[in-house]
C-alpha atoms as a PDB file:
ATOM      1  CA  MET A   1      75.714 174.441 133.632  1.00  0.00           C
ATOM      2  CA  ARG A   2      73.085 177.049 134.277  1.00  0.00           C
ATOM      3  CA  ALA A   3      70.117 175.966 132.282  1.00  0.00           C
ATOM      4  CA  ASP A   4      66.596 174.637 132.218  1.00  0.00           C
ATOM      5  CA  ARG A   5      67.509 171.009 132.833  1.00  0.00           C
ATOM      6  CA  ARG A   6      64.132 169.678 131.711  1.00  0.00           C
ATOM      7  CA  ALA A   7      64.349 171.543 128.356  1.00  0.00           C
ATOM      8  CA  LEU A   8      67.974 170.517 127.668  1.00  0.00           C
ATOM      9  CA  LEU A   9      67.194 166.945 128.632  1.00  0.00           C
ATOM     10  CA  GLN A  10      64.359 167.080 126.060  1.00  0.00           C
ATOM     11  CA  VAL A  11      66.879 168.241 123.386  1.00  0.00           C
ATOM     12  CA  LEU A  12      69.309 165.435 124.332  1.00  0.00           C
ATOM     13  CA  LEU A  13      66.525 162.862 124.228  1.00  0.00           C
ATOM     14  CA  ASN A  14      65.370 164.085 120.832  1.00  0.00           C
ATOM     15  CA  LEU A  15      68.876 163.965 119.366  1.00  0.00           C
ATOM     16  CA  LEU A  16      69.522 160.481 120.790  1.00  0.00           C
ATOM     17  CA  ASN A  17      66.127 159.238 119.508  1.00  0.00           C
ATOM     18  CA  ASN A  18      66.843 160.524 116.017  1.00  0.00           C
ATOM     19  CA  ALA A  19      70.334 158.928 116.076  1.00  0.00           C
ATOM     20  CA  VAL A  20      69.032 155.525 117.172  1.00  0.00           C
ATOM     21  CA  LYS A  21      66.030 155.766 114.859  1.00  0.00           C
ATOM     22  CA  PHE A  22      68.201 156.409 111.744  1.00  0.00           C
ATOM     23  CA  THR A  23      71.006 154.009 112.622  1.00  0.00           C
ATOM     24  CA  GLU A  24      70.700 150.501 111.245  1.00  0.00           C
ATOM     25  CA  PRO A  25      71.163 147.489 113.551  1.00  0.00           C
ATOM     26  CA  GLY A  26      74.843 146.992 114.317  1.00  0.00           C
ATOM     27  CA  GLY A  27      75.625 150.707 113.917  1.00  0.00           C
ATOM     28  CA  THR A  28      76.704 152.936 116.769  1.00  0.00           C
ATOM     29  CA  VAL A  29      75.511 156.079 118.506  1.00  0.00           C
ATOM     30  CA  THR A  30      78.044 158.010 120.570  1.00  0.00           C
ATOM     31  CA  LEU A  31      77.305 160.736 123.135  1.00  0.00           C
ATOM     32  CA  SER A  32      80.221 162.857 124.281  1.00  0.00           C
ATOM     33  CA  ALA A  33      80.724 166.145 126.112  1.00  0.00           C
ATOM     34  CA  SER A  34      83.725 168.492 126.361  1.00  0.00           C
ATOM     35  CA  VAL A  35      84.427 171.790 128.107  1.00  0.00           C
ATOM     36  CA  MET A  36      87.356 174.156 128.402  1.00  0.00           C
ATOM     37  CA  PRO A  37      87.313 177.132 130.841  1.00  0.00           C
ATOM     38  CA  GLY A  38      86.510 180.299 128.968  1.00  0.00           C
ATOM     39  CA  LYS A  39      85.351 178.358 125.911  1.00  0.00           C
ATOM     40  CA  GLU A  40      82.082 176.741 124.880  1.00  0.00           C
ATOM     41  CA  PHE A  41      80.707 173.581 126.393  1.00  0.00           C
ATOM     42  CA  ALA A  42      79.779 171.054 123.667  1.00  0.00           C
ATOM     43  CA  ILE A  43      77.622 167.949 123.751  1.00  0.00           C
ATOM     44  CA  ALA A  44      77.771 165.852 120.583  1.00  0.00           C
ATOM     45  CA  VAL A  45      75.585 162.993 119.370  1.00  0.00           C
ATOM     46  CA  VAL A  46      77.386 161.014 116.621  1.00  0.00           C
ATOM     47  CA  ASP A  47      75.849 158.149 114.719  1.00  0.00           C
ATOM     48  CA  THR A  48      76.830 155.788 111.883  1.00  0.00           C
ATOM     49  CA  GLY A  49      73.291 155.990 110.500  1.00  0.00           C
ATOM     50  CA  ILE A  50      71.900 156.667 107.071  1.00  0.00           C
ATOM     51  CA  GLY A  51      73.134 160.269 106.971  1.00  0.00           C
ATOM     52  CA  ILE A  52      71.574 163.283 105.283  1.00  0.00           C
ATOM     53  CA  ASP A  53      72.119 164.458 101.750  1.00  0.00           C
ATOM     54  CA  ALA A  54      74.160 167.689 101.588  1.00  0.00           C
ATOM     55  CA  ARG A  55      71.321 169.399  99.652  1.00  0.00           C
ATOM     56  CA  ARG A  56      68.912 168.765 102.568  1.00  0.00           C
ATOM     57  CA  LEU A  57      71.262 169.969 105.382  1.00  0.00           C
ATOM     58  CA  PRO A  58      70.368 173.659 105.183  1.00  0.00           C
ATOM     59  CA  HIS A  59      66.721 172.747 105.755  1.00  0.00           C
ATOM     60  CA  VAL A  60      66.905 170.224 108.628  1.00  0.00           C
ATOM     61  CA  PHE A  61      66.108 172.811 111.299  1.00  0.00           C
ATOM     62  CA  GLU A  62      62.976 174.042 109.521  1.00  0.00           C
ATOM     63  CA  PRO A  63      59.635 172.834 110.992  1.00  0.00           C
ATOM     64  CA  PHE A  64      58.073 169.750 109.433  1.00  0.00           C
ATOM     65  CA  GLN A  65      61.225 168.802 107.472  1.00  0.00           C
ATOM     66  CA  ARG A  66      62.044 165.122 106.854  1.00  0.00           C
ATOM     67  CA  ILE A  67      64.985 163.744 105.038  1.00  0.00           C
ATOM     68  CA  ASP A  68      62.736 161.783 102.594  1.00  0.00           C
ATOM     69  CA  PRO A  69      59.189 160.523 102.427  1.00  0.00           C
ATOM     70  CA  TYR A  70      60.215 156.873 102.799  1.00  0.00           C
ATOM     71  CA  CYS A  71      61.816 157.656 106.134  1.00  0.00           C
ATOM     72  CA  SER A  72      58.680 159.468 107.241  1.00  0.00           C
ATOM     73  CA  ARG A  73      56.533 156.416 106.642  1.00  0.00           C
ATOM     74  CA  ARG A  74      59.044 153.973 108.182  1.00  0.00           C
ATOM     75  CA  HIS A  75      60.050 155.958 111.248  1.00  0.00           C
ATOM     76  CA  GLY A  76      57.142 158.344 111.905  1.00  0.00           C
ATOM     77  CA  GLY A  77      57.536 161.677 113.680  1.00  0.00           C
ATOM     78  CA  SER A  78      56.227 165.150 112.897  1.00  0.00           C
ATOM     79  CA  GLY A  79      59.409 166.745 111.612  1.00  0.00           C
ATOM     80  CA  LEU A  80      59.443 169.281 114.500  1.00  0.00           C
ATOM     81  CA  GLY A  81      62.100 167.761 116.813  1.00  0.00           C
ATOM     82  CA  LEU A  82      65.174 169.460 115.360  1.00  0.00           C
ATOM     83  CA  SER A  83      63.418 172.860 114.988  1.00  0.00           C
ATOM     84  CA  ILE A  84      62.191 172.745 118.591  1.00  0.00           C
ATOM     85  CA  SER A  85      65.647 171.569 119.790  1.00  0.00           C
ATOM     86  CA  LYS A  86      67.333 174.417 117.971  1.00  0.00           C
ATOM     87  CA  MET A  87      64.899 176.930 119.506  1.00  0.00           C
ATOM     88  CA  ILE A  88      65.568 175.591 123.074  1.00  0.00           C
ATOM     89  CA  VAL A  89      69.356 175.689 122.620  1.00  0.00           C
ATOM     90  CA  GLU A  90      69.215 179.203 121.216  1.00  0.00           C
ATOM     91  CA  ARG A  91      67.116 180.429 124.099  1.00  0.00           C
ATOM     92  CA  HIS A  92      69.961 179.232 126.342  1.00  0.00           C
ATOM     93  CA  GLY A  93      72.363 181.429 124.312  1.00  0.00           C
ATOM     94  CA  GLY A  94      73.821 178.478 122.440  1.00  0.00           C
ATOM     95  CA  ARG A  95      73.614 177.008 118.961  1.00  0.00           C
ATOM     96  CA  LEU A  96      72.930 173.643 117.389  1.00  0.00           C
ATOM     97  CA  SER A  97      75.133 172.457 114.502  1.00  0.00           C
ATOM     98  CA  ILE A  98      74.866 169.435 112.233  1.00  0.00           C
ATOM     99  CA  GLU A  99      77.295 167.626 109.967  1.00  0.00           C
ATOM    100  CA  SER A 100      76.292 164.661 107.899  1.00  0.00           C
ATOM    101  CA  ARG A 101      77.323 162.508 105.004  1.00  0.00           C
ATOM    102  CA  LEU A 102      74.802 160.350 103.206  1.00  0.00           C
ATOM    103  CA  GLY A 103      75.510 156.686 103.970  1.00  0.00           C
ATOM    104  CA  VAL A 104      78.164 157.553 106.575  1.00  0.00           C
ATOM    105  CA  GLY A 105      76.375 159.128 109.559  1.00  0.00           C
ATOM    106  CA  THR A 106      75.491 162.339 111.292  1.00  0.00           C
ATOM    107  CA  THR A 107      76.936 164.519 114.146  1.00  0.00           C
ATOM    108  CA  VAL A 108      74.642 166.955 115.925  1.00  0.00           C
ATOM    109  CA  THR A 109      76.383 169.191 118.409  1.00  0.00           C
ATOM    110  CA  ILE A 110      74.920 171.447 121.144  1.00  0.00           C
ATOM    111  CA  HIS A 111      77.272 174.394 121.692  1.00  0.00           C
ATOM    112  CA  VAL A 112      76.760 176.231 125.015  1.00  0.00           C
ATOM    113  CA  PRO A 113      78.521 179.536 125.656  1.00  0.00           C
ATOM    114  CA  PRO A 114      81.062 179.922 128.486  1.00  0.00           C
ATOM    115  CA  GLU A 115      78.784 182.144 130.573  1.00  0.00           C
ATOM    116  CA  ARG A 116      76.516 179.115 131.086  1.00  0.00           C
ATOM    117  CA  GLN A 117      79.295 177.069 132.686  1.00  0.00           C
ATOM    118  CA  LEU A 118      79.467 176.660 136.445  1.00  0.00           C
ATOM    119  CA  LEU A 119      83.083 177.244 137.518  1.00  0.00           C
ATOM    120  CA  LEU A 120      84.999 176.924 140.694  1.00  0.00           C
ATOM    121  CA  ALA A 121      86.885 179.938 142.103  1.00  0.00           C
ATOM    122  CA  GLU A 122      90.220 178.900 140.486  1.00  0.00           C
ATOM    123  CA  GLY A 123      88.585 178.740 137.059  1.00  0.00           C
ATOM    124  CA  LYS A 124      88.390 174.966 136.709  1.00  0.00           C
ATOM    125  CA  PRO A 125      85.186 173.290 135.605  1.00  0.00           C
ATOM    126  CA  THR A 126      83.083 171.753 138.351  1.00  0.00           C
ATOM    127  CA  LYS A 127      83.101 167.967 138.618  1.00  0.00           C
ATOM    128  CA  ASP A 128      79.893 167.773 136.563  1.00  0.00           C
ATOM    129  CA  ALA A 129      81.401 169.758 133.729  1.00  0.00           C
ATOM    130  CA  ARG A 130      84.579 167.669 133.127  1.00  0.00           C
ATOM    131  CA  THR A 131      85.113 166.134 129.831  1.00  0.00           C
ATOM    132  CA  ALA A 132      83.418 162.727 129.775  1.00  0.00           C
ATOM    133  CA  ARG A 133      84.436 159.619 127.949  1.00  0.00           C
ATOM    134  CA  PRO A 134      82.148 158.935 125.004  1.00  0.00           C
ATOM    135  CA  THR A 135      79.290 156.549 125.607  1.00  0.00           C
ATOM    136  CA  ARG A 136      78.537 154.153 122.750  1.00  0.00           C
ATOM    137  CA  ILE A 137      75.174 152.610 122.209  1.00  0.00           C
ATOM    138  CA  ARG A 138      74.764 149.688 119.845  1.00  0.00           C
ATOM    139  CA  ALA A 139      71.645 150.130 117.715  1.00  0.00           C
ATOM    140  CA  PRO A 140      69.147 147.388 118.535  1.00  0.00           C
ATOM    141  CA  ALA A 141      67.868 144.998 115.904  1.00  0.00           C
ATOM    142  CA  TYR A 142      64.179 145.668 115.228  1.00  0.00           C
ATOM    143  CA  PRO A 143      61.877 142.627 115.570  1.00  0.00           C
ATOM    144  CA  GLY A 144      60.978 141.259 112.183  1.00  0.00           C
ATOM    145  CA  GLU A 145      63.922 142.796 110.295  1.00  0.00           C
END
């Protein structure tokens, strides 16, 4: 993929950090990627965390937004991560989408347009761009909880 690797790594780290932060011990966080020649490249972070109320979803990419004051006190953060991540992805010609259900979990997907894919002459994705098997991360138990 043609991109600022440092910036996109920062986006991935932010999304993974949020997923782990809002997933209770014993939950899962899954990272997956998929690509099809001529179509978008997608990287998804899926968690079984606390989820986001549907009324809050339209505002999650606004600066300084938090899902609720209790989470702000418990987990910290400035409320800028998703808005900065969205800006970085959009500057790469892509988009960031989010789906969530309260009490079920959240999926945040980075969508990268086909012109950002590195392809071989025969139109097949390079080895680095092949669809990867999802990676699952078990949410750690926090000391004292």
